C-alpha atoms as a PDB file:
ATOM      1  CA  MET A   1     -23.647  15.456 -11.751  1.00  0.00           C
ATOM      2  CA  ALA A   2     -25.687  12.731 -13.872  1.00  0.00           C
ATOM      3  CA  ARG A   3     -23.214  13.251 -16.935  1.00  0.00           C
ATOM      4  CA  PHE A   4     -20.184  12.634 -14.534  1.00  0.00           C
ATOM      5  CA  ALA A   5     -21.963   9.712 -12.829  1.00  0.00           C
ATOM      6  CA  VAL A   6     -22.642   8.174 -16.519  1.00  0.00           C
ATOM      7  CA  ALA A   7     -19.283   8.583 -17.653  1.00  0.00           C
ATOM      8  CA  PHE A   8     -17.685   7.260 -14.339  1.00  0.00           C
ATOM      9  CA  ILE A   9     -19.885   4.171 -14.542  1.00  0.00           C
ATOM     10  CA  MET A  10     -19.062   3.418 -18.246  1.00  0.00           C
ATOM     11  CA  SER A  11     -14.972   3.837 -17.770  1.00  0.00           C
ATOM     12  CA  SER A  12     -14.952   2.007 -14.607  1.00  0.00           C
ATOM     13  CA  PHE A  13     -17.262  -0.970 -15.692  1.00  0.00           C
ATOM     14  CA  ALA A  14     -15.069  -1.141 -18.858  1.00  0.00           C
ATOM     15  CA  VAL A  15     -11.742  -1.074 -17.020  1.00  0.00           C
ATOM     16  CA  PHE A  16     -12.721  -3.509 -14.401  1.00  0.00           C
ATOM     17  CA  ALA A  17     -14.708  -5.819 -17.537  1.00  0.00           C
ATOM     18  CA  LEU A  18     -11.182  -5.825 -19.213  1.00  0.00           C
ATOM     19  CA  ALA A  19      -9.627  -6.944 -16.102  1.00  0.00           C
ATOM     20  CA  GLY A  20     -12.048  -9.549 -15.034  1.00  0.00           C
ATOM     21  CA  ALA A  21     -11.920 -10.888 -19.055  1.00  0.00           C
ATOM     22  CA  LEU A  22      -8.014 -11.272 -18.253  1.00  0.00           C
ATOM     23  CA  GLY A  23      -8.535 -12.553 -14.734  1.00  0.00           C
ATOM     24  CA  ALA A  24     -10.722 -15.401 -16.087  1.00  0.00           C
ATOM     25  CA  LEU A  25      -7.514 -16.492 -17.967  1.00  0.00           C
ATOM     26  CA  THR A  26      -5.473 -16.098 -14.924  1.00  0.00           C
ATOM     27  CA  SER A  27      -7.844 -18.006 -12.635  1.00  0.00           C
ATOM     28  CA  ARG A  28      -7.761 -21.241 -15.233  1.00  0.00           C
ATOM     29  CA  ALA A  29      -3.925 -21.198 -15.460  1.00  0.00           C
ATOM     30  CA  LEU A  30      -3.283 -20.542 -11.691  1.00  0.00           C
ATOM     31  CA  PRO A  31      -4.529 -23.099  -9.207  1.00  0.00           C
ATOM     32  CA  ALA A  32      -6.828 -21.800  -6.248  1.00  0.00           C
ATOM     33  CA  ALA A  33      -4.475 -22.134  -3.270  1.00  0.00           C
ATOM     34  CA  PRO A  34      -1.617 -19.876  -5.128  1.00  0.00           C
ATOM     35  CA  ARG A  35      -4.127 -17.500  -6.523  1.00  0.00           C
ATOM     36  CA  LEU A  36      -5.357 -17.226  -2.711  1.00  0.00           C
ATOM     37  CA  ALA A  37      -1.972 -16.520  -1.438  1.00  0.00           C
ATOM     38  CA  ALA A  38      -1.578 -13.560  -4.128  1.00  0.00           C
ATOM     39  CA  VAL A  39      -4.763 -12.262  -3.017  1.00  0.00           C
ATOM     40  CA  CYS A  40      -3.388 -12.045   0.666  1.00  0.00           C
ATOM     41  CA  VAL A  41      -0.012 -10.460  -1.046  1.00  0.00           C
ATOM     42  CA  VAL A  42      -2.161  -7.737  -2.808  1.00  0.00           C
ATOM     43  CA  LEU A  43      -4.079  -6.855   0.095  1.00  0.00           C
ATOM     44  CA  GLY A  44      -1.315  -6.796   2.322  1.00  0.00           C
ATOM     45  CA  ALA A  45       0.591  -4.377  -0.138  1.00  0.00           C
ATOM     46  CA  ALA A  46      -2.538  -2.042  -0.196  1.00  0.00           C
ATOM     47  CA  LEU A  47      -2.681  -2.272   3.674  1.00  0.00           C
ATOM     48  CA  ALA A  48       0.868  -1.327   3.796  1.00  0.00           C
ATOM     49  CA  LEU A  49       0.503   1.624   1.136  1.00  0.00           C
ATOM     50  CA  ASP A  50      -2.621   2.888   3.057  1.00  0.00           C
ATOM     51  CA  GLY A  51      -1.048   2.653   6.532  1.00  0.00           C
ATOM     52  CA  TYR A  52       2.087   4.581   4.979  1.00  0.00           C
ATOM     53  CA  SER A  53      -0.707   7.144   3.443  1.00  0.00           C
ATOM     54  CA  LEU A  54      -2.320   7.694   6.788  1.00  0.00           C
ATOM     55  CA  GLN A  55       0.703   8.111   8.605  1.00  0.00           C
ATOM     56  CA  ARG A  56       1.921  10.721   6.168  1.00  0.00           C
ATOM     57  CA  LYS A  57      -1.316  12.197   5.450  1.00  0.00           C
ATOM     58  CA  THR A  58      -0.766  12.165   1.585  1.00  0.00           C
ATOM     59  CA  TRP A  59      -2.525  10.309  -1.107  1.00  0.00           C
ATOM     60  CA  CYS A  60      -1.750   6.804  -2.101  1.00  0.00           C
ATOM     61  CA  PRO A  61       1.693   6.628  -2.833  1.00  0.00           C
ATOM     62  CA  VAL A  62       1.262   4.603  -6.101  1.00  0.00           C
ATOM     63  CA  THR A  63      -1.090   6.712  -7.589  1.00  0.00           C
ATOM     64  CA  ALA A  64      -1.063   9.438 -10.722  1.00  0.00           C
ATOM     65  CA  ARG A  65      -0.359  12.640  -9.591  1.00  0.00           C
ATOM     66  CA  ARG A  66      -2.625  14.423 -12.055  1.00  0.00           C
ATOM     67  CA  GLN A  67      -6.416  15.096 -12.710  1.00  0.00           C
ATOM     68  CA  THR A  68      -8.209  15.803 -15.934  1.00  0.00           C
ATOM     69  CA  PRO A  69      -6.958  19.067 -17.217  1.00  0.00           C
ATOM     70  CA  LYS A  70      -9.137  22.107 -16.809  1.00  0.00           C
ATOM     71  CA  SER A  71      -8.485  23.489 -19.943  1.00  0.00           C
ATOM     72  CA  ILE A  72     -10.907  20.721 -21.295  1.00  0.00           C
ATOM     73  CA  GLN A  73     -13.763  22.829 -19.795  1.00  0.00           C
ATOM     74  CA  TYR A  74     -12.674  26.244 -21.516  1.00  0.00           C
ATOM     75  CA  GLN A  75     -12.051  24.502 -24.957  1.00  0.00           C
ATOM     76  CA  TYR A  76     -14.938  22.251 -25.065  1.00  0.00           C
ATOM     77  CA  GLY A  77     -17.491  23.438 -22.680  1.00  0.00           C
ATOM     78  CA  MET A  78     -18.817  22.362 -19.228  1.00  0.00           C
ATOM     79  CA  ARG A  79     -20.968  19.645 -20.550  1.00  0.00           C
ATOM     80  CA  ARG A  80     -18.315  17.991 -22.409  1.00  0.00           C
ATOM     81  CA  ALA A  81     -15.807  18.261 -19.549  1.00  0.00           C
ATOM     82  CA  THR A  82     -17.814  16.896 -17.124  1.00  0.00           C
ATOM     83  CA  VAL A  83     -18.138  13.713 -19.202  1.00  0.00           C
ATOM     84  CA  ALA A  84     -14.073  13.728 -19.688  1.00  0.00           C
ATOM     85  CA  TRP A  85     -13.921  14.128 -15.916  1.00  0.00           C
ATOM     86  CA  GLY A  86     -16.141  11.304 -15.257  1.00  0.00           C
ATOM     87  CA  LEU A  87     -14.363   9.058 -17.810  1.00  0.00           C
ATOM     88  CA  ASP A  88     -10.919  10.045 -16.644  1.00  0.00           C
ATOM     89  CA  THR A  89     -11.670   9.340 -12.725  1.00  0.00           C
ATOM     90  CA  GLY A  90     -13.434   6.184 -13.477  1.00  0.00           C
ATOM     91  CA  LEU A  91     -10.521   4.592 -14.940  1.00  0.00           C
ATOM     92  CA  VAL A  92      -8.803   3.867 -11.646  1.00  0.00           C
ATOM     93  CA  PHE A  93      -5.099   4.672 -12.589  1.00  0.00           C
ATOM     94  CA  THR A  94      -5.239   7.905 -14.192  1.00  0.00           C
ATOM     95  CA  THR A  95      -5.982  10.200 -11.484  1.00  0.00           C
ATOM     96  CA  TYR A  96      -5.289  10.826  -7.656  1.00  0.00           C
ATOM     97  CA  ARG A  97      -6.688   8.224  -5.193  1.00  0.00           C
ATOM     98  CA  MET A  98      -7.095   8.401  -1.612  1.00  0.00           C
ATOM     99  CA  SER A  99      -6.446   4.711  -1.120  1.00  0.00           C
ATOM    100  CA  SER A 100      -4.830   1.818  -2.583  1.00  0.00           C
ATOM    101  CA  ILE A 101      -8.023  -0.211  -2.498  1.00  0.00           C
ATOM    102  CA  SER A 102      -8.784   0.706  -6.166  1.00  0.00           C
ATOM    103  CA  TRP A 103      -5.543  -0.720  -7.227  1.00  0.00           C
ATOM    104  CA  ALA A 104      -5.800  -3.846  -5.219  1.00  0.00           C
ATOM    105  CA  LEU A 105      -9.548  -4.333  -6.506  1.00  0.00           C
ATOM    106  CA  LEU A 106      -8.104  -3.812 -10.033  1.00  0.00           C
ATOM    107  CA  THR A 107      -5.106  -6.400  -9.372  1.00  0.00           C
ATOM    108  CA  LEU A 108      -7.609  -8.536  -8.056  1.00  0.00           C
ATOM    109  CA  GLY A 109      -9.789  -8.581 -10.977  1.00  0.00           C
ATOM    110  CA  LEU A 110      -6.495  -9.612 -12.980  1.00  0.00           C
ATOM    111  CA  LEU A 111      -5.980 -12.580 -10.756  1.00  0.00           C
ATOM    112  CA  GLY A 112      -9.711 -13.831 -11.427  1.00  0.00           C
ATOM    113  CA  THR A 113     -10.969 -13.481  -7.835  1.00  0.00           C
ATOM    114  CA  THR A 114     -13.353 -10.649  -8.292  1.00  0.00           C
ATOM    115  CA  PRO A 115     -16.169 -10.951 -10.916  1.00  0.00           C
ATOM    116  CA  TRP A 116     -15.885  -8.971 -14.381  1.00  0.00           C
ATOM    117  CA  TRP A 117     -18.754  -6.480 -13.206  1.00  0.00           C
ATOM    118  CA  ALA A 118     -16.885  -5.404 -10.083  1.00  0.00           C
ATOM    119  CA  GLY A 119     -16.606  -1.882 -11.877  1.00  0.00           C
ATOM    120  CA  LEU A 120     -20.213  -1.386 -11.260  1.00  0.00           C
ATOM    121  CA  GLY A 121     -19.834  -1.600  -7.224  1.00  0.00           C
ATOM    122  CA  TYR A 122     -16.554   0.308  -7.520  1.00  0.00           C
ATOM    123  CA  ALA A 123     -18.604   3.193  -9.323  1.00  0.00           C
ATOM    124  CA  ALA A 124     -21.352   2.876  -6.619  1.00  0.00           C
ATOM    125  CA  GLY A 125     -18.727   3.028  -3.817  1.00  0.00           C
ATOM    126  CA  PHE A 126     -17.677   6.264  -5.425  1.00  0.00           C
ATOM    127  CA  LEU A 127     -20.733   7.862  -6.875  1.00  0.00           C
ATOM    128  CA  ILE A 128     -23.098   7.367  -3.825  1.00  0.00           C
ATOM    129  CA  PRO A 129     -21.286   9.103  -1.210  1.00  0.00           C
ATOM    130  CA  LEU A 130     -20.479  12.107  -4.007  1.00  0.00           C
ATOM    131  CA  VAL A 131     -24.210  12.551  -4.762  1.00  0.00           C
ATOM    132  CA  VAL A 132     -25.599  12.096  -1.347  1.00  0.00           C
ATOM    133  CA  GLY A 133     -22.595  14.441  -0.195  1.00  0.00           C
ATOM    134  CA  CYS A 134     -23.104  17.053  -2.653  1.00  0.00           C
ATOM    135  CA  SER A 135     -27.034  16.989  -2.300  1.00  0.00           C
ATOM    136  CA  LEU A 136     -26.698  17.370   1.258  1.00  0.00           C
ATOM    137  CA  SER A 137     -24.157  20.131   1.006  1.00  0.00           C
ATOM    138  CA  ALA A 138     -26.532  21.972  -1.410  1.00  0.00           C
ATOM    139  CA  LEU A 139     -29.214  21.708   1.026  1.00  0.00           C
ATOM    140  CA  ARG A 140     -27.154  23.063   3.379  1.00  0.00           C
ATOM    141  CA  GLU A 141     -24.837  25.692   1.795  1.00  0.00           C
ATOM    142  CA  GLY A 142     -26.795  26.629  -1.090  1.00  0.00           C
ATOM    143  CA  GLY A 143     -24.731  28.022  -4.202  1.00  0.00           C
ATOM    144  CA  ASP A 144     -21.950  25.852  -5.285  1.00  0.00           C
ATOM    145  CA  ALA A 145     -22.186  22.954  -3.100  1.00  0.00           C
ATOM    146  CA  THR A 146     -19.101  20.920  -4.738  1.00  0.00           C
ATOM    147  CA  THR A 147     -16.935  23.661  -3.695  1.00  0.00           C
ATOM    148  CA  ALA A 148     -18.118  23.544  -0.094  1.00  0.00           C
ATOM    149  CA  LEU A 149     -18.192  19.704   0.036  1.00  0.00           C
ATOM    150  CA  SER A 150     -14.714  19.544  -1.284  1.00  0.00           C
ATOM    151  CA  ARG A 151     -13.514  21.844   1.469  1.00  0.00           C
ATOM    152  CA  ARG A 152     -14.816  19.712   4.140  1.00  0.00           C
ATOM    153  CA  LEU A 153     -13.537  16.574   2.745  1.00  0.00           C
ATOM    154  CA  LEU A 154     -10.496  17.925   2.528  1.00  0.00           C
ATOM    155  CA  MET A 155     -10.187  19.039   6.319  1.00  0.00           C
ATOM    156  CA  ARG A 156     -11.332  15.494   6.990  1.00  0.00           C
ATOM    157  CA  THR A 157      -9.337  12.888   4.980  1.00  0.00           C
ATOM    158  CA  SER A 158      -7.927  11.123   7.985  1.00  0.00           C
ATOM    159  CA  ILE A 159     -11.443   9.742   8.571  1.00  0.00           C
ATOM    160  CA  ALA A 160     -11.462   8.265   5.126  1.00  0.00           C
ATOM    161  CA  ARG A 161      -7.814   6.949   5.139  1.00  0.00           C
ATOM    162  CA  THR A 162      -8.624   5.311   8.607  1.00  0.00           C
ATOM    163  CA  THR A 163     -11.522   3.645   7.243  1.00  0.00           C
ATOM    164  CA  CYS A 164      -9.688   2.569   4.230  1.00  0.00           C
ATOM    165  CA  VAL A 165      -7.259   1.065   6.468  1.00  0.00           C
ATOM    166  CA  ALA A 166      -9.940  -0.781   8.744  1.00  0.00           C
ATOM    167  CA  ALA A 167     -11.585  -2.233   5.599  1.00  0.00           C
ATOM    168  CA  LEU A 168      -8.077  -3.602   4.175  1.00  0.00           C
ATOM    169  CA  VAL A 169      -7.309  -5.207   7.619  1.00  0.00           C
ATOM    170  CA  ALA A 170     -10.596  -6.800   7.340  1.00  0.00           C
ATOM    171  CA  ALA A 171      -9.959  -8.181   3.968  1.00  0.00           C
ATOM    172  CA  VAL A 172      -6.578  -9.246   5.104  1.00  0.00           C
ATOM    173  CA  ILE A 173      -7.612 -11.074   7.873  1.00  0.00           C
ATOM    174  CA  THR A 174     -10.536 -12.497   5.880  1.00  0.00           C
ATOM    175  CA  ALA A 175      -8.148 -13.531   2.956  1.00  0.00           C
ATOM    176  CA  ALA A 176      -5.486 -15.097   5.517  1.00  0.00           C
ATOM    177  CA  THR A 177      -8.215 -16.981   7.143  1.00  0.00           C
ATOM    178  CA  GLN A 178      -9.166 -18.659   3.904  1.00  0.00           C
ATOM    179  CA  LEU A 179      -5.636 -19.535   3.242  1.00  0.00           C
ATOM    180  CA  VAL A 180      -5.051 -21.015   6.532  1.00  0.00           C
ATOM    181  CA  LEU A 181      -8.399 -22.933   7.398  1.00  0.00           C
ATOM    182  CA  PRO A 182      -9.188 -25.988   5.073  1.00  0.00           C
ATOM    183  CA  PRO A 183     -12.592 -25.496   3.402  1.00  0.00           C
ATOM    184  CA  HIS A 184     -15.645 -26.221   5.226  1.00  0.00           C
ATOM    185  CA  GLY A 185     -16.594 -29.907   5.224  1.00  0.00           C
ATOM    186  CA  THR A 186     -12.815 -31.360   4.723  1.00  0.00           C
ATOM    187  CA  ARG A 187     -10.648 -32.108   7.453  1.00  0.00           C
END
């Protein structure tokens, strides 16, 4: 788990840092109001995609339909395969995603509206539930905790999808409110 986590953190940090660096250029070139309008469009599109996913009970429609090849484990051993899996999964755009939130966050980084270190938060949002879930599953199940946890999570994907849609609704409302209402102290 530790090897996977470190690799995931490294790759997600690198991707979001790059997006943040490009976003710094965007934020200088694009005034605040159009950038905020773009944020609303990005979040609205993510909400539409996640609403579609929730209704269809499927993965994010714009996600890559692939996983890290299992052959890496047989060819290079479990330790290297774990690192490869973490690096691949942390990249955001290379494997299955439950929600379009990761795509939205990456796009917001490119717009210069999220900090360059957002990958650390992204990694925490992925890894903390994973580590807690695997740890609790190991206590409850014994043996191969990840397989038991995977089975349980696959039976409850609508909870995750509904949570993602709710988070995006809150984000859209927040962004739209900032777009419509004048900044505090101005009239």
